[in-house]
C-alpha atoms as a PDB file:
ATOM      1  CA  UNK A   1     129.879  88.248 117.263  1.00  0.00           C
ATOM      2  CA  UNK A   2     129.482  91.515 119.247  1.00  0.00           C
ATOM      3  CA  UNK A   3     131.893  94.432 118.696  1.00  0.00           C
ATOM      4  CA  UNK A   4     133.180  94.157 122.266  1.00  0.00           C
ATOM      5  CA  UNK A   5     133.850  90.421 121.909  1.00  0.00           C
ATOM      6  CA  UNK A   6     135.421  90.968 118.472  1.00  0.00           C
ATOM      7  CA  UNK A   7     137.735  93.676 119.835  1.00  0.00           C
ATOM      8  CA  UNK A   8     138.743  91.555 122.843  1.00  0.00           C
ATOM      9  CA  UNK A   9     139.391  88.547 120.609  1.00  0.00           C
ATOM     10  CA  UNK A  10     141.296  90.771 118.184  1.00  0.00           C
ATOM     11  CA  UNK A  11     143.504  92.178 120.954  1.00  0.00           C
ATOM     12  CA  UNK A  12     144.243  88.712 122.367  1.00  0.00           C
ATOM     13  CA  UNK A  13     145.050  87.472 118.879  1.00  0.00           C
ATOM     14  CA  UNK A  14     147.303  90.502 118.233  1.00  0.00           C
ATOM     15  CA  UNK A  15     149.163  89.948 121.501  1.00  0.00           C
ATOM     16  CA  UNK A  16     149.624  86.265 120.712  1.00  0.00           C
ATOM     17  CA  UNK A  17     150.873  87.175 117.229  1.00  0.00           C
ATOM     18  CA  UNK A  18     153.320  89.693 118.694  1.00  0.00           C
ATOM     19  CA  UNK A  19     154.649  87.132 121.136  1.00  0.00           C
ATOM     20  CA  UNK A  20     155.003  84.483 118.455  1.00  0.00           C
ATOM     21  CA  UNK A  21     156.661  86.978 116.095  1.00  0.00           C
ATOM     22  CA  UNK A  22     159.133  87.757 118.847  1.00  0.00           C
ATOM     23  CA  UNK A  23     159.958  84.083 119.162  1.00  0.00           C
ATOM     24  CA  UNK A  24     158.633  83.801 122.665  1.00  0.00           C
ATOM     25  CA  UNK A  25     157.376  80.346 123.470  1.00  0.00           C
ATOM     26  CA  UNK A  26     154.775  81.545 125.927  1.00  0.00           C
ATOM     27  CA  UNK A  27     151.476  79.749 126.333  1.00  0.00           C
ATOM     28  CA  UNK A  28     148.632  82.104 126.990  1.00  0.00           C
ATOM     29  CA  UNK A  29     145.510  80.410 128.289  1.00  0.00           C
ATOM     30  CA  UNK A  30     143.496  83.595 127.777  1.00  0.00           C
ATOM     31  CA  UNK A  31     144.214  83.688 124.054  1.00  0.00           C
ATOM     32  CA  UNK A  32     141.253  82.061 122.372  1.00  0.00           C
ATOM     33  CA  UNK A  33     141.691  79.958 119.270  1.00  0.00           C
ATOM     34  CA  UNK A  34     139.263  80.873 116.489  1.00  0.00           C
ATOM     35  CA  UNK A  35     136.096  78.835 116.515  1.00  0.00           C
ATOM     36  CA  UNK A  36     134.880  77.130 113.364  1.00  0.00           C
ATOM     37  CA  UNK A  37     132.588  80.127 112.776  1.00  0.00           C
ATOM     38  CA  UNK A  38     135.507  82.587 113.105  1.00  0.00           C
ATOM     39  CA  UNK A  39     138.062  80.571 111.129  1.00  0.00           C
ATOM     40  CA  UNK A  40     138.725  81.648 107.542  1.00  0.00           C
ATOM     41  CA  UNK A  41     136.805  79.572 105.084  1.00  0.00           C
ATOM     42  CA  UNK A  42     138.448  77.856 102.157  1.00  0.00           C
ATOM     43  CA  UNK A  43     137.473  78.962  98.690  1.00  0.00           C
ATOM     44  CA  UNK A  44     137.882  76.513  95.848  1.00  0.00           C
ATOM     45  CA  UNK A  45     140.286  78.412  93.605  1.00  0.00           C
ATOM     46  CA  UNK A  46     143.652  77.421  92.232  1.00  0.00           C
ATOM     47  CA  UNK A  47     146.516  78.291  94.584  1.00  0.00           C
ATOM     48  CA  UNK A  48     148.098  80.553  91.941  1.00  0.00           C
ATOM     49  CA  UNK A  49     144.883  82.624  91.783  1.00  0.00           C
ATOM     50  CA  UNK A  50     144.715  82.855  95.569  1.00  0.00           C
ATOM     51  CA  UNK A  51     148.359  83.987  95.748  1.00  0.00           C
ATOM     52  CA  UNK A  52     147.901  86.519  92.950  1.00  0.00           C
ATOM     53  CA  UNK A  53     144.924  88.000  94.762  1.00  0.00           C
ATOM     54  CA  UNK A  54     146.856  88.169  98.043  1.00  0.00           C
ATOM     55  CA  UNK A  55     149.890  89.892  96.500  1.00  0.00           C
ATOM     56  CA  UNK A  56     149.556  93.688  96.353  1.00  0.00           C
ATOM     57  CA  UNK A  57     150.505  95.449  93.137  1.00  0.00           C
ATOM     58  CA  UNK A  58     153.974  97.031  93.082  1.00  0.00           C
ATOM     59  CA  UNK A  59     152.620 100.597  93.243  1.00  0.00           C
ATOM     60  CA  UNK A  60     150.607  99.729  96.341  1.00  0.00           C
ATOM     61  CA  UNK A  61     153.679  98.124  97.882  1.00  0.00           C
ATOM     62  CA  UNK A  62     155.784 101.223  97.182  1.00  0.00           C
ATOM     63  CA  UNK A  63     153.084 103.547  98.559  1.00  0.00           C
ATOM     64  CA  UNK A  64     152.691 101.438 101.705  1.00  0.00           C
ATOM     65  CA  UNK A  65     156.455 101.320 102.254  1.00  0.00           C
ATOM     66  CA  UNK A  66     156.589 105.118 101.918  1.00  0.00           C
ATOM     67  CA  UNK A  67     153.714 105.484 104.398  1.00  0.00           C
ATOM     68  CA  UNK A  68     155.509 103.184 106.857  1.00  0.00           C
ATOM     69  CA  UNK A  69     158.767 105.116 106.470  1.00  0.00           C
ATOM     70  CA  UNK A  70     156.850 108.351 107.107  1.00  0.00           C
ATOM     71  CA  UNK A  71     155.553 106.908 110.405  1.00  0.00           C
ATOM     72  CA  UNK A  72     159.056 105.944 111.558  1.00  0.00           C
ATOM     73  CA  UNK A  73     160.544 109.267 110.392  1.00  0.00           C
ATOM     74  CA  UNK A  74     157.904 111.153 112.376  1.00  0.00           C
ATOM     75  CA  UNK A  75     158.515 108.975 115.396  1.00  0.00           C
ATOM     76  CA  UNK A  76     162.290 109.531 115.248  1.00  0.00           C
ATOM     77  CA  UNK A  77     161.767 113.291 114.832  1.00  0.00           C
ATOM     78  CA  UNK A  78     159.707 113.321 118.046  1.00  0.00           C
ATOM     79  CA  UNK A  79     161.644 110.764 120.132  1.00  0.00           C
ATOM     80  CA  UNK A  80     163.819 112.410 122.765  1.00  0.00           C
ATOM     81  CA  UNK A  81     162.108 115.757 122.295  1.00  0.00           C
ATOM     82  CA  UNK A  82     158.424 115.066 122.988  1.00  0.00           C
ATOM     83  CA  UNK A  83     157.361 111.713 124.436  1.00  0.00           C
ATOM     84  CA  UNK A  84     153.658 112.451 123.953  1.00  0.00           C
ATOM     85  CA  UNK A  85     154.207 113.146 120.242  1.00  0.00           C
ATOM     86  CA  UNK A  86     156.447 110.073 119.892  1.00  0.00           C
ATOM     87  CA  UNK A  87     153.857 107.828 121.568  1.00  0.00           C
ATOM     88  CA  UNK A  88     151.211 108.957 119.037  1.00  0.00           C
ATOM     89  CA  UNK A  89     152.938 106.737 116.439  1.00  0.00           C
ATOM     90  CA  UNK A  90     152.178 103.641 118.561  1.00  0.00           C
ATOM     91  CA  UNK A  91     149.161 101.376 118.699  1.00  0.00           C
ATOM     92  CA  UNK A  92     147.744  99.671 121.733  1.00  0.00           C
ATOM     93  CA  UNK A  93     149.111  97.405 123.048  1.00  0.00           C
ATOM     94  CA  UNK A  94     152.824  97.812 122.384  1.00  0.00           C
ATOM     95  CA  UNK A  95     155.488  95.233 123.115  1.00  0.00           C
ATOM     96  CA  UNK A  96     159.112  96.272 123.678  1.00  0.00           C
ATOM     97  CA  UNK A  97     161.706  93.514 123.528  1.00  0.00           C
ATOM     98  CA  UNK A  98     165.130  94.399 124.863  1.00  0.00           C
ATOM     99  CA  UNK A  99     168.079  92.019 125.314  1.00  0.00           C
ATOM    100  CA  UNK A 100     167.242  91.414 128.972  1.00  0.00           C
ATOM    101  CA  UNK A 101     163.631  92.500 129.277  1.00  0.00           C
ATOM    102  CA  UNK A 102     160.209  92.239 127.648  1.00  0.00           C
ATOM    103  CA  UNK A 103     157.819  95.094 128.401  1.00  0.00           C
ATOM    104  CA  UNK A 104     154.105  95.128 127.552  1.00  0.00           C
ATOM    105  CA  UNK A 105     152.656  98.634 127.396  1.00  0.00           C
ATOM    106  CA  UNK A 106     148.865  98.575 127.278  1.00  0.00           C
ATOM    107  CA  UNK A 107     148.124 102.232 126.541  1.00  0.00           C
ATOM    108  CA  UNK A 108     149.734 105.197 124.819  1.00  0.00           C
ATOM    109  CA  UNK A 109     150.134 106.798 128.233  1.00  0.00           C
ATOM    110  CA  UNK A 110     152.240 103.769 129.229  1.00  0.00           C
ATOM    111  CA  UNK A 111     154.339 104.220 126.059  1.00  0.00           C
ATOM    112  CA  UNK A 112     154.819 107.916 126.844  1.00  0.00           C
ATOM    113  CA  UNK A 113     155.898 107.163 130.438  1.00  0.00           C
ATOM    114  CA  UNK A 114     158.319 104.469 129.196  1.00  0.00           C
ATOM    115  CA  UNK A 115     159.890 106.959 126.742  1.00  0.00           C
ATOM    116  CA  UNK A 116     160.165 109.671 129.417  1.00  0.00           C
ATOM    117  CA  UNK A 117     162.055 107.271 131.689  1.00  0.00           C
ATOM    118  CA  UNK A 118     164.241 105.892 128.878  1.00  0.00           C
ATOM    119  CA  UNK A 119     165.218 109.329 127.541  1.00  0.00           C
ATOM    120  CA  UNK A 120     165.952 110.533 131.089  1.00  0.00           C
ATOM    121  CA  UNK A 121     168.416 107.623 131.422  1.00  0.00           C
ATOM    122  CA  UNK A 122     170.234 108.776 128.243  1.00  0.00           C
ATOM    123  CA  UNK A 123     170.469 112.495 129.150  1.00  0.00           C
ATOM    124  CA  UNK A 124     173.414 112.155 131.611  1.00  0.00           C
ATOM    125  CA  UNK A 125     175.508 110.887 128.662  1.00  0.00           C
ATOM    126  CA  UNK A 126     174.711 114.036 126.685  1.00  0.00           C
ATOM    127  CA  UNK A 127     171.838 112.605 124.588  1.00  0.00           C
ATOM    128  CA  UNK A 128     169.958 115.101 122.427  1.00  0.00           C
ATOM    129  CA  UNK A 129     167.919 113.214 119.821  1.00  0.00           C
ATOM    130  CA  UNK A 130     167.919 110.204 117.491  1.00  0.00           C
ATOM    131  CA  UNK A 131     167.895 109.964 113.745  1.00  0.00           C
ATOM    132  CA  UNK A 132     167.236 107.164 111.297  1.00  0.00           C
ATOM    133  CA  UNK A 133     170.093 105.435 109.563  1.00  0.00           C
ATOM    134  CA  UNK A 134     169.788 102.763 106.896  1.00  0.00           C
ATOM    135  CA  UNK A 135     166.404 101.087 106.900  1.00  0.00           C
ATOM    136  CA  UNK A 136     164.494  98.231 105.277  1.00  0.00           C
ATOM    137  CA  UNK A 137     160.751  97.667 105.025  1.00  0.00           C
ATOM    138  CA  UNK A 138     159.170  94.264 104.502  1.00  0.00           C
ATOM    139  CA  UNK A 139     155.425  93.969 103.978  1.00  0.00           C
ATOM    140  CA  UNK A 140     154.218  90.714 105.518  1.00  0.00           C
ATOM    141  CA  UNK A 141     150.667  91.230 104.265  1.00  0.00           C
ATOM    142  CA  UNK A 142     148.407  94.185 103.490  1.00  0.00           C
ATOM    143  CA  UNK A 143     148.146  95.229 107.164  1.00  0.00           C
ATOM    144  CA  UNK A 144     151.406  94.044 108.757  1.00  0.00           C
ATOM    145  CA  UNK A 145     155.006  95.080 108.112  1.00  0.00           C
ATOM    146  CA  UNK A 146     158.492  94.926 109.571  1.00  0.00           C
ATOM    147  CA  UNK A 147     160.772  97.968 109.568  1.00  0.00           C
ATOM    148  CA  UNK A 148     164.428  97.418 110.406  1.00  0.00           C
ATOM    149  CA  UNK A 149     166.784 100.344 110.978  1.00  0.00           C
ATOM    150  CA  UNK A 150     169.908 101.716 112.565  1.00  0.00           C
ATOM    151  CA  UNK A 151     169.066 104.318 115.200  1.00  0.00           C
ATOM    152  CA  UNK A 152     171.757 106.969 115.474  1.00  0.00           C
ATOM    153  CA  UNK A 153     171.740 108.647 118.872  1.00  0.00           C
ATOM    154  CA  UNK A 154     173.175 112.155 118.835  1.00  0.00           C
ATOM    155  CA  UNK A 155     174.686 114.246 121.629  1.00  0.00           C
ATOM    156  CA  UNK A 156     173.838 117.851 122.414  1.00  0.00           C
ATOM    157  CA  UNK A 157     177.203 118.921 120.919  1.00  0.00           C
ATOM    158  CA  UNK A 158     176.209 117.388 117.546  1.00  0.00           C
ATOM    159  CA  UNK A 159     178.492 114.350 117.754  1.00  0.00           C
ATOM    160  CA  UNK A 160     177.335 110.778 117.444  1.00  0.00           C
ATOM    161  CA  UNK A 161     176.738 109.036 120.750  1.00  0.00           C
ATOM    162  CA  UNK A 162     175.772 105.505 119.680  1.00  0.00           C
ATOM    163  CA  UNK A 163     174.308 103.333 116.909  1.00  0.00           C
ATOM    164  CA  UNK A 164     171.742 100.685 117.760  1.00  0.00           C
ATOM    165  CA  UNK A 165     169.659  98.326 115.655  1.00  0.00           C
ATOM    166  CA  UNK A 166     165.896  98.042 115.975  1.00  0.00           C
ATOM    167  CA  UNK A 167     163.169  96.120 114.211  1.00  0.00           C
ATOM    168  CA  UNK A 168     159.611  97.427 114.412  1.00  0.00           C
ATOM    169  CA  UNK A 169     156.382  95.531 113.805  1.00  0.00           C
ATOM    170  CA  UNK A 170     153.692  97.780 112.396  1.00  0.00           C
ATOM    171  CA  UNK A 171     149.985  97.162 111.874  1.00  0.00           C
ATOM    172  CA  UNK A 172     147.638  99.125 109.632  1.00  0.00           C
ATOM    173  CA  UNK A 173     144.120  99.860 110.838  1.00  0.00           C
ATOM    174  CA  UNK A 174     141.557 102.541 109.974  1.00  0.00           C
ATOM    175  CA  UNK A 175     143.849 104.975 111.818  1.00  0.00           C
ATOM    176  CA  UNK A 176     146.750 104.114 109.486  1.00  0.00           C
ATOM    177  CA  UNK A 177     150.072 102.441 110.243  1.00  0.00           C
ATOM    178  CA  UNK A 178     151.034 102.212 113.917  1.00  0.00           C
ATOM    179  CA  UNK A 179     154.024 100.664 115.676  1.00  0.00           C
ATOM    180  CA  UNK A 180     153.031  97.733 117.900  1.00  0.00           C
ATOM    181  CA  UNK A 181     156.402  96.200 118.679  1.00  0.00           C
ATOM    182  CA  UNK A 182     160.037  97.257 119.034  1.00  0.00           C
ATOM    183  CA  UNK A 183     162.752  94.618 119.056  1.00  0.00           C
ATOM    184  CA  UNK A 184     166.320  95.603 119.935  1.00  0.00           C
ATOM    185  CA  UNK A 185     168.311  93.995 117.108  1.00  0.00           C
ATOM    186  CA  UNK A 186     172.039  93.392 116.744  1.00  0.00           C
ATOM    187  CA  UNK A 187     173.382  95.539 113.912  1.00  0.00           C
ATOM    188  CA  UNK A 188     174.571  92.471 111.987  1.00  0.00           C
ATOM    189  CA  UNK A 189     171.122  90.850 112.346  1.00  0.00           C
ATOM    190  CA  UNK A 190     168.998  93.621 110.816  1.00  0.00           C
ATOM    191  CA  UNK A 191     166.799  92.615 107.889  1.00  0.00           C
ATOM    192  CA  UNK A 192     168.553  92.599 104.556  1.00  0.00           C
ATOM    193  CA  UNK A 193     167.109  93.977 101.341  1.00  0.00           C
ATOM    194  CA  UNK A 194     164.627  91.792  99.495  1.00  0.00           C
END
């Protein structure tokens, strides 16, 4: 399979995965199903051996969770202050799921423009910046994780403006962990500890 075809297939598969993860029952005719040649092949090993090989060691899990938290901490440090810096923590494409809207952002420039507009809408209420509250990280596999947190929006006078829940889907590539999806989440629906 050529690199261009592999990347296109990978992006379509990622988008389909994001939509399914978000619980959207959307049928996408452009999302190709893997052919027999692309489908993972079965290896005759006991299930317990396969599971043991798929489960990362605890130290790896801890290190990955710390790396993921570092990404979100950096993002929250930049959000509201520098949209270009905040968008650098995102992969392409990015899906933003709000209570009444689903937004697909294809490029980092789209993410930056979305943040500029969103932050501008908060400024009239005195918004200054956001900080992370309680958070949870759940590794779904070695390259995919969920990060659930309380975002605390602060005013320019130092008082708290609002608390909102968000769940992030992150994917790890050669460039490291990147955010690919934000889901506005009710505070009482955030992920609980494992």
